Amino acid sequence: MAYVKRSIFWQGISGTVGDTLTFRVRKGRTFVSVKRGPSTKPPTDAQQEANKRFVMASLFAQDAMKDPAIKALYQKAAKGGQTAYNVAVRDAMSPPVISWIDVGGYKRTLGDIITIKARDVIAPRSVTVIIFSQAGTILEQGDAVIKTNDSRFWIYTVTTANAIISGNRLVVTATDLPGNKAEQTFTIP
């Protein structure tokens, strides 16, 4: 795709010319590309699933643009030629990522801290923690709180004293604004 820098003939033009070229304007810049024709192959199952996901993401983005507060979050995350709508579609297409769980502050007492690093296009909507015993029973569960000075980090404060933590299992779930979820399990050594 070509970008028209300065031309009094093409600046601001959009549409298809002569069944050959397509012009698009994005954030005041004009882009030129070859006109694309319809595919002659039937879509595969994977393509149909991707199309379905894209339609759902597009519907989410349309709804998100109707809420000024949500639109402002996505606009803040937009880079370069992106719009808030583009960022909302990308957010709906991809789940959050849990990249780090730190149990160094978990020492078996009430008020201990577990730190989670979870990220997404914008900060995840929520991060929950469930602590299981070695036998698989739930010892406690609750929501982590976003760290005030860095939205990538979440803090979970332990609410129950636990006599034995070795072998306990943590299940951390991050949920983003569109409802996508990521789950990571961590066993305490």
Protein backbone atom coordinates (compact mmCIF):
# COMPACT_ATOMS: atom_id res chain seq x y z
CA MET A 1 0.00 0.00 0.00
CA ALA A 2 1.41 3.37 -0.99
CA TYR A 3 1.04 6.61 0.92
CA VAL A 4 0.46 9.87 -0.95
CA LYS A 5 2.63 12.55 0.68
CA ARG A 6 1.78 15.73 -1.19
CA SER A 7 -0.28 15.86 -4.32
CA ILE A 8 -2.93 18.39 -5.19
CA PHE A 9 -4.59 15.73 -7.36
CA TRP A 10 -4.87 12.88 -4.85
CA GLN A 11 -4.91 14.57 -1.43
CA GLY A 12 -8.13 13.70 0.40
CA ILE A 13 -9.57 11.49 -2.36
CA SER A 14 -11.23 8.21 -1.38
CA GLY A 15 -12.87 5.41 -3.31
CA THR A 16 -12.04 3.22 -6.30
CA VAL A 17 -10.81 4.66 -9.56
CA GLY A 18 -11.14 2.76 -12.86
CA ASP A 19 -11.55 -0.68 -11.28
CA THR A 20 -7.82 -0.57 -10.55
CA LEU A 21 -6.85 1.69 -7.63
CA THR A 22 -8.44 2.19 -4.24
CA PHE A 23 -7.84 5.40 -2.29
CA ARG A 24 -8.44 5.64 1.48
CA VAL A 25 -8.08 8.56 3.85
CA ARG A 26 -7.04 7.86 7.44
CA LYS A 27 -6.43 10.62 9.93
CA GLY A 28 -5.82 13.09 7.11
CA ARG A 29 -3.40 10.86 5.16
CA THR A 30 -4.27 9.36 1.77
CA PHE A 31 -3.34 5.72 1.06
CA VAL A 32 -3.37 4.04 -2.37
CA SER A 33 -3.69 0.29 -2.99
CA VAL A 34 -4.63 -2.10 -5.78
CA LYS A 35 -8.34 -2.88 -5.90
CA ARG A 36 -8.96 -6.26 -4.38
CA GLY A 37 -11.37 -8.64 -6.03
CA PRO A 38 -13.49 -11.37 -4.46
CA SER A 39 -11.86 -14.70 -3.58
CA THR A 40 -12.68 -17.66 -5.80
CA LYS A 41 -11.97 -20.25 -3.06
CA PRO A 42 -14.59 -21.20 -0.47
CA PRO A 43 -13.57 -20.16 3.08
CA THR A 44 -12.02 -22.79 5.33
CA ASP A 45 -13.43 -23.59 8.77
CA ALA A 46 -10.61 -21.57 10.35
CA GLN A 47 -11.41 -18.58 8.11
CA GLN A 48 -15.09 -18.79 8.99
CA GLU A 49 -14.24 -18.92 12.70
CA ALA A 50 -11.88 -15.93 12.32
CA ASN A 51 -14.62 -14.04 10.45
CA LYS A 52 -17.10 -14.81 13.23
CA ARG A 53 -14.61 -13.57 15.87
CA PHE A 54 -14.01 -10.41 13.83
CA VAL A 55 -17.74 -9.71 13.52
CA MET A 56 -18.15 -10.12 17.30
CA ALA A 57 -15.13 -7.86 17.91
CA SER A 58 -16.55 -5.27 15.54
CA LEU A 59 -19.91 -5.33 17.35
CA PHE A 60 -18.10 -4.87 20.68
CA ALA A 61 -16.12 -1.93 19.26
CA GLN A 62 -19.30 -0.28 17.95
CA ASP A 63 -20.87 -0.51 21.40
CA ALA A 64 -17.66 0.70 23.07
CA MET A 65 -17.59 3.82 20.87
CA LYS A 66 -21.06 4.78 22.20
CA ASP A 67 -19.69 5.10 25.76
CA PRO A 68 -17.50 8.24 26.02
CA ALA A 69 -15.48 6.91 28.99
CA ILE A 70 -14.63 3.61 27.26
CA LYS A 71 -13.93 5.38 23.97
CA ALA A 72 -11.48 7.67 25.80
CA LEU A 73 -9.62 4.62 27.22
CA TYR A 74 -9.22 3.14 23.75
CA GLN A 75 -8.28 6.51 22.23
CA LYS A 76 -5.52 6.86 24.82
CA ALA A 77 -4.14 3.45 23.75
CA ALA A 78 -4.25 4.34 20.03
CA LYS A 79 -0.87 4.80 18.37
CA GLY A 80 0.08 6.26 15.01
CA GLY A 81 -2.81 6.08 12.54
CA GLN A 82 -5.04 3.98 14.79
CA THR A 83 -8.46 5.07 15.92
CA ALA A 84 -10.19 4.18 19.19
CA TYR A 85 -12.39 1.81 17.17
CA ASN A 86 -9.31 -0.05 15.80
CA VAL A 87 -7.91 -0.46 19.30
CA ALA A 88 -11.27 -1.73 20.62
CA VAL A 89 -11.43 -4.34 17.84
CA ARG A 90 -7.87 -5.45 18.63
CA ASP A 91 -8.75 -5.70 22.33
CA ALA A 92 -11.81 -7.83 21.57
CA MET A 93 -9.78 -10.12 19.29
CA SER A 94 -7.05 -10.90 21.84
CA PRO A 95 -7.21 -12.11 25.45
CA PRO A 96 -5.17 -10.53 28.24
CA VAL A 97 -1.74 -11.95 29.11
CA ILE A 98 -0.64 -13.01 32.60
CA SER A 99 3.14 -12.87 32.38
CA TRP A 100 4.26 -13.08 36.00
CA ILE A 101 3.07 -14.26 39.42
CA ASP A 102 5.23 -13.37 42.45
CA VAL A 103 4.54 -15.33 45.65
CA GLY A 104 7.67 -14.04 47.43
CA GLY A 105 5.47 -12.02 49.80
CA TYR A 106 3.22 -15.00 50.64
CA LYS A 107 4.49 -16.38 53.99
CA ARG A 108 1.34 -18.12 55.38
CA THR A 109 -0.06 -15.14 57.29
CA LEU A 110 -3.06 -12.88 56.96
CA GLY A 111 -2.26 -9.76 54.91
CA ASP A 112 0.54 -11.31 52.82
CA ILE A 113 0.89 -10.02 49.28
CA ILE A 114 0.80 -11.88 45.95
CA THR A 115 1.77 -9.74 42.94
CA ILE A 116 0.51 -10.46 39.43
CA LYS A 117 1.62 -8.87 36.17
CA ALA A 118 -1.29 -8.87 33.72
CA ARG A 119 -1.54 -6.76 30.60
CA ASP A 120 -3.80 -6.21 27.64
CA VAL A 121 -4.47 -3.50 25.07
CA ILE A 122 -5.84 -1.46 27.97
CA ALA A 123 -5.64 -2.58 31.60
CA PRO A 124 -7.65 -5.74 32.27
CA ARG A 125 -11.07 -5.23 33.86
CA SER A 126 -10.34 -7.67 36.69
CA VAL A 127 -7.83 -10.16 38.04
CA THR A 128 -9.02 -12.90 40.41
CA VAL A 129 -7.00 -15.31 42.53
CA ILE A 130 -8.05 -18.72 43.88
CA ILE A 131 -5.75 -20.57 46.29
CA PHE A 132 -6.14 -24.35 46.45
CA SER A 133 -4.63 -26.69 49.05
CA GLN A 134 -2.51 -29.69 48.06
CA ALA A 135 -5.69 -31.78 48.30
CA GLY A 136 -7.51 -29.49 45.87
CA THR A 137 -9.90 -27.72 48.24
CA ILE A 138 -10.35 -23.97 47.93
CA LEU A 139 -8.59 -22.18 50.78
CA GLU A 140 -9.57 -18.68 49.65
CA GLN A 141 -10.45 -16.63 46.63
CA GLY A 142 -10.88 -12.98 45.77
CA ASP A 143 -10.08 -10.07 43.52
CA ALA A 144 -6.68 -8.51 43.11
CA VAL A 145 -6.45 -4.71 43.12
CA ILE A 146 -4.67 -2.76 40.41
CA LYS A 147 -1.48 -1.08 41.60
CA THR A 148 -2.00 2.68 41.66
CA ASN A 149 1.24 3.75 39.96
CA ASP A 150 1.47 0.95 37.36
CA SER A 151 -1.62 -0.55 35.70
CA ARG A 152 0.29 -3.69 34.63
CA PHE A 153 0.63 -4.92 38.21
CA TRP A 154 -2.13 -6.28 40.42
CA ILE A 155 -1.92 -6.92 44.17
CA TYR A 156 -3.79 -9.71 45.93
CA THR A 157 -3.90 -9.50 49.74
CA VAL A 158 -4.20 -12.88 51.46
CA THR A 159 -7.28 -13.06 53.71
CA THR A 160 -6.63 -16.38 55.50
CA ALA A 161 -3.64 -17.69 57.42
CA ASN A 162 -2.42 -20.97 55.98
CA ALA A 163 -0.30 -23.46 57.94
CA ILE A 164 1.21 -25.13 54.86
CA ILE A 165 1.81 -23.29 51.59
CA SER A 166 4.25 -25.65 49.88
CA GLY A 167 2.35 -27.50 47.15
CA ASN A 168 -0.58 -25.09 47.20
CA ARG A 169 -1.85 -24.09 43.80
CA LEU A 170 -2.81 -20.59 42.66
CA VAL A 171 -5.19 -20.07 39.77
CA VAL A 172 -5.07 -16.50 38.45
CA THR A 173 -7.66 -15.30 35.94
CA ALA A 174 -7.47 -11.97 34.10
CA THR A 175 -10.57 -10.66 32.31
CA ASP A 176 -10.49 -7.77 29.84
CA LEU A 177 -13.20 -5.26 28.96
CA PRO A 178 -14.65 -7.30 26.06
CA GLY A 179 -14.87 -10.37 28.34
CA ASN A 180 -11.86 -12.36 27.08
CA LYS A 181 -10.18 -14.40 29.82
CA ALA A 182 -6.66 -15.69 30.43
CA GLU A 183 -5.88 -18.19 33.16
CA GLN A 184 -2.56 -19.24 34.62
CA THR A 185 -1.87 -21.85 37.30
CA PHE A 186 1.10 -21.62 39.63
CA THR A 187 2.14 -24.28 42.17
CA ILE A 188 4.07 -22.98 45.18
CA PRO A 189 7.34 -24.93 45.54
